[in-house]
Amino acid sequence: MSGIQEILLIVIIFLAIFFIPRITARNKDIRQPRALVFKTRPKLSGACRLAMAISCFWPLLTVGYFKPWQKDLLPFIYIGIGPVAVGWCLFWILTGFKKSE
Protein backbone atom coordinates (compact mmCIF):
# COMPACT_ATOMS: atom_id res chain seq x y z
CA MET A 1 0.00 0.00 0.00
CA SER A 2 2.88 2.37 0.52
CA GLY A 3 3.51 2.53 -3.26
CA ILE A 4 0.02 3.90 -3.97
CA GLN A 5 0.35 6.46 -1.16
CA GLU A 6 3.65 7.69 -2.58
CA ILE A 7 2.16 8.05 -6.05
CA LEU A 8 -0.84 9.94 -4.66
CA LEU A 9 1.46 12.22 -2.68
CA ILE A 10 3.45 13.03 -5.85
CA VAL A 11 0.22 13.75 -7.76
CA ILE A 12 -1.00 16.07 -4.96
CA ILE A 13 2.32 17.94 -4.91
CA PHE A 14 2.23 18.26 -8.71
CA LEU A 15 -1.34 19.62 -8.63
CA ALA A 16 -0.47 22.02 -5.83
CA ILE A 17 2.52 23.40 -7.72
CA PHE A 18 0.50 24.13 -10.87
CA PHE A 19 -3.00 24.99 -9.64
CA ILE A 20 -2.58 26.89 -6.37
CA PRO A 21 -0.76 29.84 -8.03
CA ARG A 22 -3.53 30.05 -10.63
CA ILE A 23 -6.28 30.03 -8.04
CA THR A 24 -4.64 32.69 -5.87
CA ALA A 25 -3.73 34.92 -8.84
CA ARG A 26 -7.29 35.19 -10.15
CA ASN A 27 -8.36 37.75 -7.57
CA LYS A 28 -5.26 39.93 -7.87
CA ASP A 29 -4.93 40.55 -11.58
CA ILE A 30 -7.98 40.26 -13.78
CA ARG A 31 -6.83 40.38 -17.37
CA GLN A 32 -9.11 41.58 -20.09
CA PRO A 33 -9.38 39.15 -22.97
CA ARG A 34 -7.67 40.46 -26.06
CA ALA A 35 -9.77 41.07 -29.11
CA LEU A 36 -9.06 38.79 -32.02
CA VAL A 37 -7.42 40.64 -34.86
CA PHE A 38 -7.36 39.04 -38.25
CA LYS A 39 -4.80 40.39 -40.66
CA THR A 40 -6.02 40.59 -44.19
CA ARG A 41 -3.70 39.66 -46.98
CA PRO A 42 -2.92 42.37 -49.47
CA LYS A 43 -4.66 41.88 -52.78
CA LEU A 44 -2.37 40.73 -55.56
CA SER A 45 -2.47 42.93 -58.59
CA GLY A 46 -2.57 41.54 -62.09
CA ALA A 47 1.05 42.54 -62.70
CA CYS A 48 2.19 40.72 -59.57
CA ARG A 49 0.26 37.60 -60.56
CA LEU A 50 1.81 37.74 -64.03
CA ALA A 51 5.29 38.10 -62.51
CA MET A 52 4.70 35.05 -60.32
CA ALA A 53 3.47 32.99 -63.25
CA ILE A 54 6.46 33.99 -65.39
CA SER A 55 8.77 33.20 -62.45
CA CYS A 56 7.41 29.67 -62.37
CA PHE A 57 7.25 28.96 -66.10
CA TRP A 58 10.48 30.63 -67.31
CA PRO A 59 12.82 28.22 -65.46
CA LEU A 60 10.68 25.27 -66.57
CA LEU A 61 10.93 26.35 -70.20
CA THR A 62 14.68 26.86 -69.96
CA VAL A 63 15.11 23.45 -68.31
CA GLY A 64 13.35 21.90 -71.29
CA TYR A 65 15.52 23.81 -73.75
CA PHE A 66 18.96 23.61 -72.10
CA LYS A 67 18.60 20.17 -70.44
CA PRO A 68 21.15 20.92 -67.70
CA TRP A 69 21.31 17.28 -66.61
CA GLN A 70 22.83 16.37 -70.00
CA LYS A 71 24.92 19.43 -70.75
CA ASP A 72 26.62 22.24 -68.86
CA LEU A 73 24.68 23.75 -65.95
CA LEU A 74 26.04 27.30 -66.33
CA PRO A 75 23.90 28.45 -69.31
CA PHE A 76 20.77 27.29 -67.51
CA ILE A 77 21.72 29.24 -64.39
CA TYR A 78 22.51 32.39 -66.39
CA ILE A 79 19.48 32.32 -68.67
CA GLY A 80 16.95 30.31 -66.65
CA ILE A 81 17.32 31.23 -63.00
CA GLY A 82 19.32 34.45 -63.28
CA PRO A 83 16.64 36.72 -64.77
CA VAL A 84 14.02 35.51 -62.30
CA ALA A 85 16.32 36.12 -59.33
CA VAL A 86 17.39 39.55 -60.58
CA GLY A 87 13.79 40.54 -61.29
CA TRP A 88 12.55 39.64 -57.82
CA CYS A 89 15.56 41.31 -56.19
CA LEU A 90 14.79 44.53 -58.06
CA PHE A 91 11.13 44.28 -57.05
CA TRP A 92 12.12 43.78 -53.42
CA ILE A 93 14.49 46.76 -53.49
CA LEU A 94 11.97 49.07 -55.19
CA THR A 95 9.24 48.05 -52.76
CA GLY A 96 11.55 48.95 -49.88
CA PHE A 97 12.11 52.43 -51.33
CA LYS A 98 8.37 52.95 -51.86
CA LYS A 99 7.51 52.05 -48.25
CA SER A 100 10.19 54.30 -46.77
CA GLU A 101 8.87 57.40 -48.54
PDB file of N, CA and C in Angstrom:
ATOM      1  N   MET A   1       0.800  -1.202   0.000  1.00  0.00           N
ATOM      2  CA  MET A   1       0.000   0.000   0.000  1.00  0.00           C
ATOM      3  C   MET A   1       0.842   1.266   0.000  1.00  0.00           C
ATOM      4  N   SER A   2       2.070   1.160   0.440  1.00  0.00           N
ATOM      5  CA  SER A   2       2.876   2.370   0.520  1.00  0.00           C
ATOM      6  C   SER A   2       3.199   2.904  -0.877  1.00  0.00           C
ATOM      7  N   GLY A   3       3.239   2.069  -1.896  1.00  0.00           N
ATOM      8  CA  GLY A   3       3.507   2.532  -3.256  1.00  0.00           C
ATOM      9  C   GLY A   3       2.401   3.426  -3.780  1.00  0.00           C
ATOM     10  N   ILE A   4       1.155   3.086  -3.515  1.00  0.00           N
ATOM     11  CA  ILE A   4       0.015   3.895  -3.966  1.00  0.00           C
ATOM     12  C   ILE A   4       0.003   5.225  -3.229  1.00  0.00           C
ATOM     13  N   GLN A   5       0.319   5.227  -1.940  1.00  0.00           N
ATOM     14  CA  GLN A   5       0.348   6.462  -1.164  1.00  0.00           C
ATOM     15  C   GLN A   5       1.438   7.398  -1.676  1.00  0.00           C
ATOM     16  N   GLU A   6       2.569   6.855  -2.048  1.00  0.00           N
ATOM     17  CA  GLU A   6       3.647   7.686  -2.581  1.00  0.00           C
ATOM     18  C   GLU A   6       3.257   8.309  -3.919  1.00  0.00           C
ATOM     19  N   ILE A   7       2.608   7.525  -4.762  1.00  0.00           N
ATOM     20  CA  ILE A   7       2.164   8.050  -6.053  1.00  0.00           C
ATOM     21  C   ILE A   7       1.119   9.139  -5.856  1.00  0.00           C
ATOM     22  N   LEU A   8       0.171   8.920  -4.935  1.00  0.00           N
ATOM     23  CA  LEU A   8      -0.842   9.940  -4.664  1.00  0.00           C
ATOM     24  C   LEU A   8      -0.219  11.203  -4.085  1.00  0.00           C
ATOM     25  N   LEU A   9       0.778  11.064  -3.241  1.00  0.00           N
ATOM     26  CA  LEU A   9       1.463  12.221  -2.684  1.00  0.00           C
ATOM     27  C   LEU A   9       2.164  13.019  -3.780  1.00  0.00           C
ATOM     28  N   ILE A  10       2.796  12.346  -4.724  1.00  0.00           N
ATOM     29  CA  ILE A  10       3.454  13.030  -5.851  1.00  0.00           C
ATOM     30  C   ILE A  10       2.426  13.750  -6.712  1.00  0.00           C
ATOM     31  N   VAL A  11       1.271  13.123  -6.962  1.00  0.00           N
ATOM     32  CA  VAL A  11       0.220  13.750  -7.756  1.00  0.00           C
ATOM     33  C   VAL A  11      -0.313  14.990  -7.043  1.00  0.00           C
ATOM     34  N   ILE A  12      -0.502  14.911  -5.722  1.00  0.00           N
ATOM     35  CA  ILE A  12      -1.003  16.069  -4.965  1.00  0.00           C
ATOM     36  C   ILE A  12       0.009  17.205  -4.992  1.00  0.00           C
ATOM     37  N   ILE A  13       1.279  16.904  -4.846  1.00  0.00           N
ATOM     38  CA  ILE A  13       2.316  17.940  -4.915  1.00  0.00           C
ATOM     39  C   ILE A  13       2.338  18.571  -6.302  1.00  0.00           C
ATOM     40  N   PHE A  14       2.250  17.756  -7.327  1.00  0.00           N
ATOM     41  CA  PHE A  14       2.226  18.262  -8.705  1.00  0.00           C
ATOM     42  C   PHE A  14       1.038  19.199  -8.920  1.00  0.00           C
ATOM     43  N   LEU A  15      -0.147  18.780  -8.484  1.00  0.00           N
ATOM     44  CA  LEU A  15      -1.336  19.621  -8.634  1.00  0.00           C
ATOM     45  C   LEU A  15      -1.209  20.906  -7.833  1.00  0.00           C
ATOM     46  N   ALA A  16      -0.642  20.828  -6.661  1.00  0.00           N
ATOM     47  CA  ALA A  16      -0.468  22.022  -5.835  1.00  0.00           C
ATOM     48  C   ALA A  16       0.491  23.010  -6.485  1.00  0.00           C
ATOM     49  N   ILE A  17       1.542  22.510  -7.085  1.00  0.00           N
ATOM     50  CA  ILE A  17       2.518  23.399  -7.723  1.00  0.00           C
ATOM     51  C   ILE A  17       1.889  24.150  -8.891  1.00  0.00           C
ATOM     52  N   PHE A  18       1.033  23.495  -9.672  1.00  0.00           N
ATOM     53  CA  PHE A  18       0.502  24.126 -10.870  1.00  0.00           C
ATOM     54  C   PHE A  18      -0.827  24.846 -10.667  1.00  0.00           C
ATOM     55  N   PHE A  19      -1.667  24.400  -9.736  1.00  0.00           N
ATOM     56  CA  PHE A  19      -2.997  24.985  -9.636  1.00  0.00           C
ATOM     57  C   PHE A  19      -3.167  26.001  -8.519  1.00  0.00           C
ATOM     58  N   ILE A  20      -2.434  25.916  -7.441  1.00  0.00           N
ATOM     59  CA  ILE A  20      -2.583  26.895  -6.365  1.00  0.00           C
ATOM     60  C   ILE A  20      -2.166  28.295  -6.822  1.00  0.00           C
ATOM     61  N   PRO A  21      -1.062  28.485  -7.554  1.00  0.00           N
ATOM     62  CA  PRO A  21      -0.759  29.842  -8.032  1.00  0.00           C
ATOM     63  C   PRO A  21      -1.844  30.402  -8.963  1.00  0.00           C
ATOM     64  N   ARG A  22      -2.463  29.573  -9.746  1.00  0.00           N
ATOM     65  CA  ARG A  22      -3.531  30.045 -10.628  1.00  0.00           C
ATOM     66  C   ARG A  22      -4.758  30.471  -9.840  1.00  0.00           C
ATOM     67  N   ILE A  23      -5.093  29.717  -8.841  1.00  0.00           N
ATOM     68  CA  ILE A  23      -6.278  30.029  -8.042  1.00  0.00           C
ATOM     69  C   ILE A  23      -6.067  31.314  -7.249  1.00  0.00           C
ATOM     70  N   THR A  24      -4.894  31.492  -6.674  1.00  0.00           N
ATOM     71  CA  THR A  24      -4.639  32.690  -5.873  1.00  0.00           C
ATOM     72  C   THR A  24      -4.418  33.918  -6.748  1.00  0.00           C
ATOM     73  N   ALA A  25      -3.990  33.771  -7.975  1.00  0.00           N
ATOM     74  CA  ALA A  25      -3.726  34.915  -8.845  1.00  0.00           C
ATOM     75  C   ALA A  25      -4.986  35.448  -9.513  1.00  0.00           C
ATOM     76  N   ARG A  26      -6.072  34.743  -9.482  1.00  0.00           N
ATOM     77  CA  ARG A  26      -7.288  35.187 -10.154  1.00  0.00           C
ATOM     78  C   ARG A  26      -7.854  36.454  -9.535  1.00  0.00           C
ATOM     79  N   ASN A  27      -7.783  36.590  -8.231  1.00  0.00           N
ATOM     80  CA  ASN A  27      -8.356  37.748  -7.569  1.00  0.00           C
ATOM     81  C   ASN A  27      -7.464  38.980  -7.676  1.00  0.00           C
ATOM     82  N   LYS A  28      -6.186  38.809  -7.856  1.00  0.00           N
ATOM     83  CA  LYS A  28      -5.256  39.935  -7.874  1.00  0.00           C
ATOM     84  C   LYS A  28      -5.237  40.652  -9.218  1.00  0.00           C
ATOM     85  N   ASP A  29      -5.112  39.931 -10.266  1.00  0.00           N
ATOM     86  CA  ASP A  29      -4.933  40.545 -11.575  1.00  0.00           C
ATOM     87  C   ASP A  29      -5.945  39.949 -12.542  1.00  0.00           C
ATOM     88  N   ILE A  30      -6.975  40.716 -12.817  1.00  0.00           N
ATOM     89  CA  ILE A  30      -7.979  40.264 -13.776  1.00  0.00           C
ATOM     90  C   ILE A  30      -7.593  40.825 -15.132  1.00  0.00           C
ATOM     91  N   ARG A  31      -7.258  39.960 -16.036  1.00  0.00           N
ATOM     92  CA  ARG A  31      -6.830  40.383 -17.374  1.00  0.00           C
ATOM     93  C   ARG A  31      -8.032  40.423 -18.303  1.00  0.00           C
ATOM     94  N   GLN A  32      -8.066  41.460 -19.087  1.00  0.00           N
ATOM     95  CA  GLN A  32      -9.112  41.579 -20.088  1.00  0.00           C
ATOM     96  C   GLN A  32      -8.755  40.700 -21.277  1.00  0.00           C
ATOM     97  N   PRO A  33      -9.701  39.967 -21.794  1.00  0.00           N
ATOM     98  CA  PRO A  33      -9.383  39.153 -22.975  1.00  0.00           C
ATOM     99  C   PRO A  33      -9.075  40.054 -24.162  1.00  0.00           C
ATOM    100  N   ARG A  34      -8.067  39.673 -24.889  1.00  0.00           N
ATOM    101  CA  ARG A  34      -7.667  40.458 -26.061  1.00  0.00           C
ATOM    102  C   ARG A  34      -8.608  40.174 -27.211  1.00  0.00           C
ATOM    103  N   ALA A  35      -8.906  41.222 -27.939  1.00  0.00           N
ATOM    104  CA  ALA A  35      -9.766  41.070 -29.106  1.00  0.00           C
ATOM    105  C   ALA A  35      -8.994  40.345 -30.206  1.00  0.00           C
ATOM    106  N   LEU A  36      -9.686  39.493 -30.914  1.00  0.00           N
ATOM    107  CA  LEU A  36      -9.062  38.790 -32.020  1.00  0.00           C
ATOM    108  C   LEU A  36      -8.901  39.734 -33.200  1.00  0.00           C
ATOM    109  N   VAL A  37      -7.708  39.777 -33.719  1.00  0.00           N
ATOM    110  CA  VAL A  37      -7.416  40.640 -34.855  1.00  0.00           C
ATOM    111  C   VAL A  37      -6.978  39.746 -36.002  1.00  0.00           C
ATOM    112  N   PHE A  38      -7.706  39.812 -37.074  1.00  0.00           N
ATOM    113  CA  PHE A  38      -7.357  39.041 -38.253  1.00  0.00           C
ATOM    114  C   PHE A  38      -6.691  39.969 -39.248  1.00  0.00           C
ATOM    115  N   LYS A  39      -5.501  39.591 -39.668  1.00  0.00           N
ATOM    116  CA  LYS A  39      -4.802  40.392 -40.658  1.00  0.00           C
ATOM    117  C   LYS A  39      -5.258  39.952 -42.037  1.00  0.00           C
ATOM    118  N   THR A  40      -5.603  40.910 -42.828  1.00  0.00           N
ATOM    119  CA  THR A  40      -6.021  40.585 -44.188  1.00  0.00           C
ATOM    120  C   THR A  40      -4.801  40.602 -45.091  1.00  0.00           C
ATOM    121  N   ARG A  41      -4.799  39.708 -46.031  1.00  0.00           N
ATOM    122  CA  ARG A  41      -3.700  39.664 -46.980  1.00  0.00           C
ATOM    123  C   ARG A  41      -3.883  40.779 -48.003  1.00  0.00           C
ATOM    124  N   PRO A  42      -2.783  41.367 -48.427  1.00  0.00           N
ATOM    125  CA  PRO A  42      -2.924  42.374 -49.472  1.00  0.00           C
ATOM    126  C   PRO A  42      -3.368  41.711 -50.778  1.00  0.00           C
ATOM    127  N   LYS A  43      -4.179  42.408 -51.498  1.00  0.00           N
ATOM    128  CA  LYS A  43      -4.662  41.878 -52.780  1.00  0.00           C
ATOM    129  C   LYS A  43      -3.519  41.887 -53.785  1.00  0.00           C
ATOM    130  N   LEU A  44      -3.415  40.818 -54.532  1.00  0.00           N
ATOM    131  CA  LEU A  44      -2.375  40.727 -55.555  1.00  0.00           C
ATOM    132  C   LEU A  44      -2.883  41.377 -56.828  1.00  0.00           C
ATOM    133  N   SER A  45      -2.090  42.274 -57.343  1.00  0.00           N
ATOM    134  CA  SER A  45      -2.471  42.926 -58.592  1.00  0.00           C
ATOM    135  C   SER A  45      -2.236  41.972 -59.764  1.00  0.00           C
ATOM    136  N   GLY A  46      -2.750  42.351 -60.899  1.00  0.00           N
ATOM    137  CA  GLY A  46      -2.568  41.536 -62.095  1.00  0.00           C
ATOM    138  C   GLY A  46      -1.107  41.441 -62.498  1.00  0.00           C
ATOM    139  N   ALA A  47      -0.375  42.544 -62.340  1.00  0.00           N
ATOM    140  CA  ALA A  47       1.045  42.539 -62.701  1.00  0.00           C
ATOM    141  C   ALA A  47       1.839  41.606 -61.787  1.00  0.00           C
ATOM    142  N   CYS A  48       1.485  41.602 -60.507  1.00  0.00           N
ATOM    143  CA  CYS A  48       2.187  40.722 -59.566  1.00  0.00           C
ATOM    144  C   CYS A  48       1.871  39.254 -59.865  1.00  0.00           C
ATOM    145  N   ARG A  49       0.627  38.972 -60.209  1.00  0.00           N
ATOM    146  CA  ARG A  49       0.257  37.599 -60.564  1.00  0.00           C
ATOM    147  C   ARG A  49       0.983  37.148 -61.832  1.00  0.00           C
ATOM    148  N   LEU A  50       1.091  38.063 -62.799  1.00  0.00           N
ATOM    149  CA  LEU A  50       1.807  37.744 -64.027  1.00  0.00           C
ATOM    150  C   LEU A  50       3.283  37.479 -63.740  1.00  0.00           C
ATOM    151  N   ALA A  51       3.877  38.290 -62.861  1.00  0.00           N
ATOM    152  CA  ALA A  51       5.285  38.103 -62.510  1.00  0.00           C
ATOM    153  C   ALA A  51       5.506  36.760 -61.817  1.00  0.00           C
ATOM    154  N   MET A  52       4.572  36.359 -60.978  1.00  0.00           N
ATOM    155  CA  MET A  52       4.701  35.049 -60.317  1.00  0.00           C
ATOM    156  C   MET A  52       4.579  33.915 -61.323  1.00  0.00           C
ATOM    157  N   ALA A  53       3.651  34.036 -62.246  1.00  0.00           N
ATOM    158  CA  ALA A  53       3.474  32.986 -63.251  1.00  0.00           C
ATOM    159  C   ALA A  53       4.712  32.873 -64.134  1.00  0.00           C
ATOM    160  N   ILE A  54       5.243  34.009 -64.551  1.00  0.00           N
ATOM    161  CA  ILE A  54       6.456  33.989 -65.386  1.00  0.00           C
ATOM    162  C   ILE A  54       7.622  33.410 -64.591  1.00  0.00           C
ATOM    163  N   SER A  55       7.686  33.727 -63.289  1.00  0.00           N
ATOM    164  CA  SER A  55       8.768  33.203 -62.447  1.00  0.00           C
ATOM    165  C   SER A  55       8.712  31.692 -62.323  1.00  0.00           C
ATOM    166  N   CYS A  56       7.534  31.137 -62.433  1.00  0.00           N
ATOM    167  CA  CYS A  56       7.410  29.671 -62.372  1.00  0.00           C
ATOM    168  C   CYS A  56       7.705  29.026 -63.723  1.00  0.00           C
ATOM    169  N   PHE A  57       7.159  29.608 -64.790  1.00  0.00           N
ATOM    170  CA  PHE A  57       7.247  28.959 -66.097  1.00  0.00           C
ATOM    171  C   PHE A  57       8.565  29.206 -66.822  1.00  0.00           C
ATOM    172  N   TRP A  58       9.222  30.343 -66.604  1.00  0.00           N
ATOM    173  CA  TRP A  58      10.476  30.631 -67.311  1.00  0.00           C
ATOM    174  C   TRP A  58      11.552  29.591 -66.989  1.00  0.00           C
ATOM    175  N   PRO A  59      11.816  29.270 -65.716  1.00  0.00           N
ATOM    176  CA  PRO A  59      12.819  28.222 -65.459  1.00  0.00           C
ATOM    177  C   PRO A  59      12.410  26.860 -66.013  1.00  0.00           C
ATOM    178  N   LEU A  60      11.112  26.550 -66.006  1.00  0.00           N
ATOM    179  CA  LEU A  60      10.676  25.270 -66.574  1.00  0.00           C
ATOM    180  C   LEU A  60      10.924  25.202 -68.077  1.00  0.00           C
ATOM    181  N   LEU A  61      10.670  26.308 -68.757  1.00  0.00           N
ATOM    182  CA  LEU A  61      10.927  26.347 -70.205  1.00  0.00           C
ATOM    183  C   LEU A  61      12.420  26.241 -70.504  1.00  0.00           C
ATOM    184  N   THR A  62      13.233  26.927 -69.705  1.00  0.00           N
ATOM    185  CA  THR A  62      14.677  26.863 -69.964  1.00  0.00           C
ATOM    186  C   THR A  62      15.261  25.500 -69.591  1.00  0.00           C
ATOM    187  N   VAL A  63      14.675  24.812 -68.617  1.00  0.00           N
ATOM    188  CA  VAL A  63      15.114  23.446 -68.306  1.00  0.00           C
ATOM    189  C   VAL A  63      14.850  22.548 -69.509  1.00  0.00           C
ATOM    190  N   GLY A  64      13.673  22.711 -70.123  1.00  0.00           N
ATOM    191  CA  GLY A  64      13.354  21.898 -71.294  1.00  0.00           C
ATOM    192  C   GLY A  64      14.261  22.194 -72.471  1.00  0.00           C
ATOM    193  N   TYR A  65      14.685  23.438 -72.617  1.00  0.00           N
ATOM    194  CA  TYR A  65      15.524  23.814 -73.754  1.00  0.00           C
ATOM    195  C   TYR A  65      16.993  23.449 -73.520  1.00  0.00           C
ATOM    196  N   PHE A  66      17.534  23.810 -72.345  1.00  0.00           N
ATOM    197  CA  PHE A  66      18.963  23.613 -72.101  1.00  0.00           C
ATOM    198  C   PHE A  66      19.310  22.207 -71.600  1.00  0.00           C
ATOM    199  N   LYS A  67      18.381  21.505 -71.001  1.00  0.00           N
ATOM    200  CA  LYS A  67      18.604  20.172 -70.444  1.00  0.00           C
ATOM    201  C   LYS A  67      19.903  20.132 -69.628  1.00  0.00           C
ATOM    202  N   PRO A  68      19.900  20.814 -68.476  1.00  0.00           N
ATOM    203  CA  PRO A  68      21.152  20.924 -67.704  1.00  0.00           C
ATOM    204  C   PRO A  68      21.652  19.593 -67.142  1.00  0.00           C
ATOM    205  N   TRP A  69      20.840  18.579 -67.100  1.00  0.00           N
ATOM    206  CA  TRP A  69      21.306  17.279 -66.610  1.00  0.00           C
ATOM    207  C   TRP A  69      22.142  16.552 -67.664  1.00  0.00           C
ATOM    208  N   GLN A  70      22.034  16.984 -68.940  1.00  0.00           N
ATOM    209  CA  GLN A  70      22.830  16.367 -69.997  1.00  0.00           C
ATOM    210  C   GLN A  70      24.031  17.216 -70.382  1.00  0.00           C
ATOM    211  N   LYS A  71      23.866  18.521 -70.311  1.00  0.00           N
ATOM    212  CA  LYS A  71      24.924  19.429 -70.748  1.00  0.00           C
ATOM    213  C   LYS A  71      25.449  20.223 -69.564  1.00  0.00           C
ATOM    214  N   ASP A  72      26.059  21.356 -69.878  1.00  0.00           N
ATOM    215  CA  ASP A  72      26.617  22.244 -68.864  1.00  0.00           C
ATOM    216  C   ASP A  72      25.498  22.951 -68.095  1.00  0.00           C
ATOM    217  N   LEU A  73      25.684  23.130 -66.814  1.00  0.00           N
ATOM    218  CA  LEU A  73      24.685  23.749 -65.949  1.00  0.00           C
ATOM    219  C   LEU A  73      24.731  25.279 -66.006  1.00  0.00           C
ATOM    220  N   LEU A  74      25.868  25.851 -66.364  1.00  0.00           N
ATOM    221  CA  LEU A  74      26.039  27.300 -66.328  1.00  0.00           C
ATOM    222  C   LEU A  74      25.087  28.069 -67.242  1.00  0.00           C
ATOM    223  N   PRO A  75      24.859  27.689 -68.489  1.00  0.00           N
ATOM    224  CA  PRO A  75      23.898  28.450 -69.312  1.00  0.00           C
ATOM    225  C   PRO A  75      22.493  28.438 -68.719  1.00  0.00           C
ATOM    226  N   PHE A  76      22.092  27.338 -68.127  1.00  0.00           N
ATOM    227  CA  PHE A  76      20.772  27.293 -67.512  1.00  0.00           C
ATOM    228  C   PHE A  76      20.688  28.256 -66.335  1.00  0.00           C
ATOM    229  N   ILE A  77      21.739  28.328 -65.536  1.00  0.00           N
ATOM    230  CA  ILE A  77      21.722  29.240 -64.391  1.00  0.00           C
ATOM    231  C   ILE A  77      21.676  30.687 -64.870  1.00  0.00           C
ATOM    232  N   TYR A  78      22.479  31.019 -65.893  1.00  0.00           N
ATOM    233  CA  TYR A  78      22.513  32.394 -66.392  1.00  0.00           C
ATOM    234  C   TYR A  78      21.210  32.810 -67.060  1.00  0.00           C
ATOM    235  N   ILE A  79      20.651  31.953 -67.876  1.00  0.00           N
ATOM    236  CA  ILE A  79      19.480  32.324 -68.665  1.00  0.00           C
ATOM    237  C   ILE A  79      18.172  31.890 -68.010  1.00  0.00           C
ATOM    238  N   GLY A  80      18.186  30.821 -67.244  1.00  0.00           N
ATOM    239  CA  GLY A  80      16.955  30.313 -66.649  1.00  0.00           C
ATOM    240  C   GLY A  80      16.641  30.907 -65.291  1.00  0.00           C
ATOM    241  N   ILE A  81      17.568  30.794 -64.366  1.00  0.00           N
ATOM    242  CA  ILE A  81      17.320  31.232 -63.002  1.00  0.00           C
ATOM    243  C   ILE A  81      17.754  32.677 -62.781  1.00  0.00           C
ATOM    244  N   GLY A  82      18.776  33.110 -63.464  1.00  0.00           N
ATOM    245  CA  GLY A  82      19.321  34.452 -63.279  1.00  0.00           C
ATOM    246  C   GLY A  82      18.310  35.574 -63.463  1.00  0.00           C
ATOM    247  N   PRO A  83      17.600  35.631 -64.586  1.00  0.00           N
ATOM    248  CA  PRO A  83      16.641  36.722 -64.770  1.00  0.00           C
ATOM    249  C   PRO A  83      15.517  36.737 -63.727  1.00  0.00           C
ATOM    250  N   VAL A  84      15.081  35.573 -63.319  1.00  0.00           N
ATOM    251  CA  VAL A  84      14.024  35.513 -62.301  1.00  0.00           C
ATOM    252  C   VAL A  84      14.547  36.054 -60.978  1.00  0.00           C
ATOM    253  N   ALA A  85      15.744  35.649 -60.580  1.00  0.00           N
ATOM    254  CA  ALA A  85      16.322  36.120 -59.325  1.00  0.00           C
ATOM    255  C   ALA A  85      16.582  37.621 -59.358  1.00  0.00           C
ATOM    256  N   VAL A  86      17.122  38.114 -60.455  1.00  0.00           N
ATOM    257  CA  VAL A  86      17.394  39.551 -60.581  1.00  0.00           C
ATOM    258  C   VAL A  86      16.081  40.340 -60.572  1.00  0.00           C
ATOM    259  N   GLY A  87      15.076  39.844 -61.251  1.00  0.00           N
ATOM    260  CA  GLY A  87      13.789  40.541 -61.288  1.00  0.00           C
ATOM    261  C   GLY A  87      13.154  40.661 -59.908  1.00  0.00           C
ATOM    262  N   TRP A  88      13.142  39.578 -59.149  1.00  0.00           N
ATOM    263  CA  TRP A  88      12.547  39.642 -57.819  1.00  0.00           C
ATOM    264  C   TRP A  88      13.390  40.447 -56.856  1.00  0.00           C
ATOM    265  N   CYS A  89      14.708  40.448 -57.030  1.00  0.00           N
ATOM    266  CA  CYS A  89      15.563  41.307 -56.193  1.00  0.00           C
ATOM    267  C   CYS A  89      15.275  42.776 -56.450  1.00  0.00           C
ATOM    268  N   LEU A  90      15.133  43.139 -57.726  1.00  0.00           N
ATOM    269  CA  LEU A  90      14.791  44.527 -58.058  1.00  0.00           C
ATOM    270  C   LEU A  90      13.417  44.909 -57.504  1.00  0.00           C
ATOM    271  N   PHE A  91      12.456  44.016 -57.610  1.00  0.00           N
ATOM    272  CA  PHE A  91      11.129  44.280 -57.053  1.00  0.00           C
ATOM    273  C   PHE A  91      11.201  44.503 -55.545  1.00  0.00           C
ATOM    274  N   TRP A  92      11.981  43.678 -54.859  1.00  0.00           N
ATOM    275  CA  TRP A  92      12.125  43.784 -53.416  1.00  0.00           C
ATOM    276  C   TRP A  92      12.774  45.113 -53.023  1.00  0.00           C
ATOM    277  N   ILE A  93      13.804  45.505 -53.770  1.00  0.00           N
ATOM    278  CA  ILE A  93      14.495  46.764 -53.490  1.00  0.00           C
ATOM    279  C   ILE A  93      13.572  47.951 -53.749  1.00  0.00           C
ATOM    280  N   LEU A  94      12.870  47.956 -54.871  1.00  0.00           N
ATOM    281  CA  LEU A  94      11.974  49.066 -55.188  1.00  0.00           C
ATOM    282  C   LEU A  94      10.809  49.152 -54.202  1.00  0.00           C
ATOM    283  N   THR A  95      10.308  48.039 -53.755  1.00  0.00           N
ATOM    284  CA  THR A  95       9.237  48.047 -52.759  1.00  0.00           C
ATOM    285  C   THR A  95       9.729  48.641 -51.449  1.00  0.00           C
ATOM    286  N   GLY A  96      10.962  48.365 -51.084  1.00  0.00           N
ATOM    287  CA  GLY A  96      11.546  48.951 -49.878  1.00  0.00           C
ATOM    288  C   GLY A  96      11.666  50.462 -49.979  1.00  0.00           C
ATOM    289  N   PHE A  97      12.024  50.975 -51.158  1.00  0.00           N
ATOM    290  CA  PHE A  97      12.106  52.426 -51.334  1.00  0.00           C
ATOM    291  C   PHE A  97      10.720  53.073 -51.312  1.00  0.00           C
ATOM    292  N   LYS A  98       9.724  52.402 -51.855  1.00  0.00           N
ATOM    293  CA  LYS A  98       8.369  52.951 -51.856  1.00  0.00           C
ATOM    294  C   LYS A  98       7.799  53.040 -50.438  1.00  0.00           C
ATOM    295  N   LYS A  99       8.059  52.048 -49.608  1.00  0.00           N
ATOM    296  CA  LYS A  99       7.510  52.051 -48.246  1.00  0.00           C
ATOM    297  C   LYS A  99       8.213  53.056 -47.356  1.00  0.00           C
ATOM    298  N   SER A 100       9.472  53.367 -47.616  1.00  0.00           N
ATOM    299  CA  SER A 100      10.194  54.302 -46.769  1.00  0.00           C
ATOM    300  C   SER A 100       9.832  55.758 -47.060  1.00  0.00           C
ATOM    301  N   GLU A 101       9.231  56.015 -48.186  1.00  0.00           N
ATOM    302  CA  GLU A 101       8.874  57.403 -48.537  1.00  0.00           C
ATOM    303  C   GLU A 101       7.641  57.860 -47.839  1.00  0.00           C
TER     304      GLU A 101
END
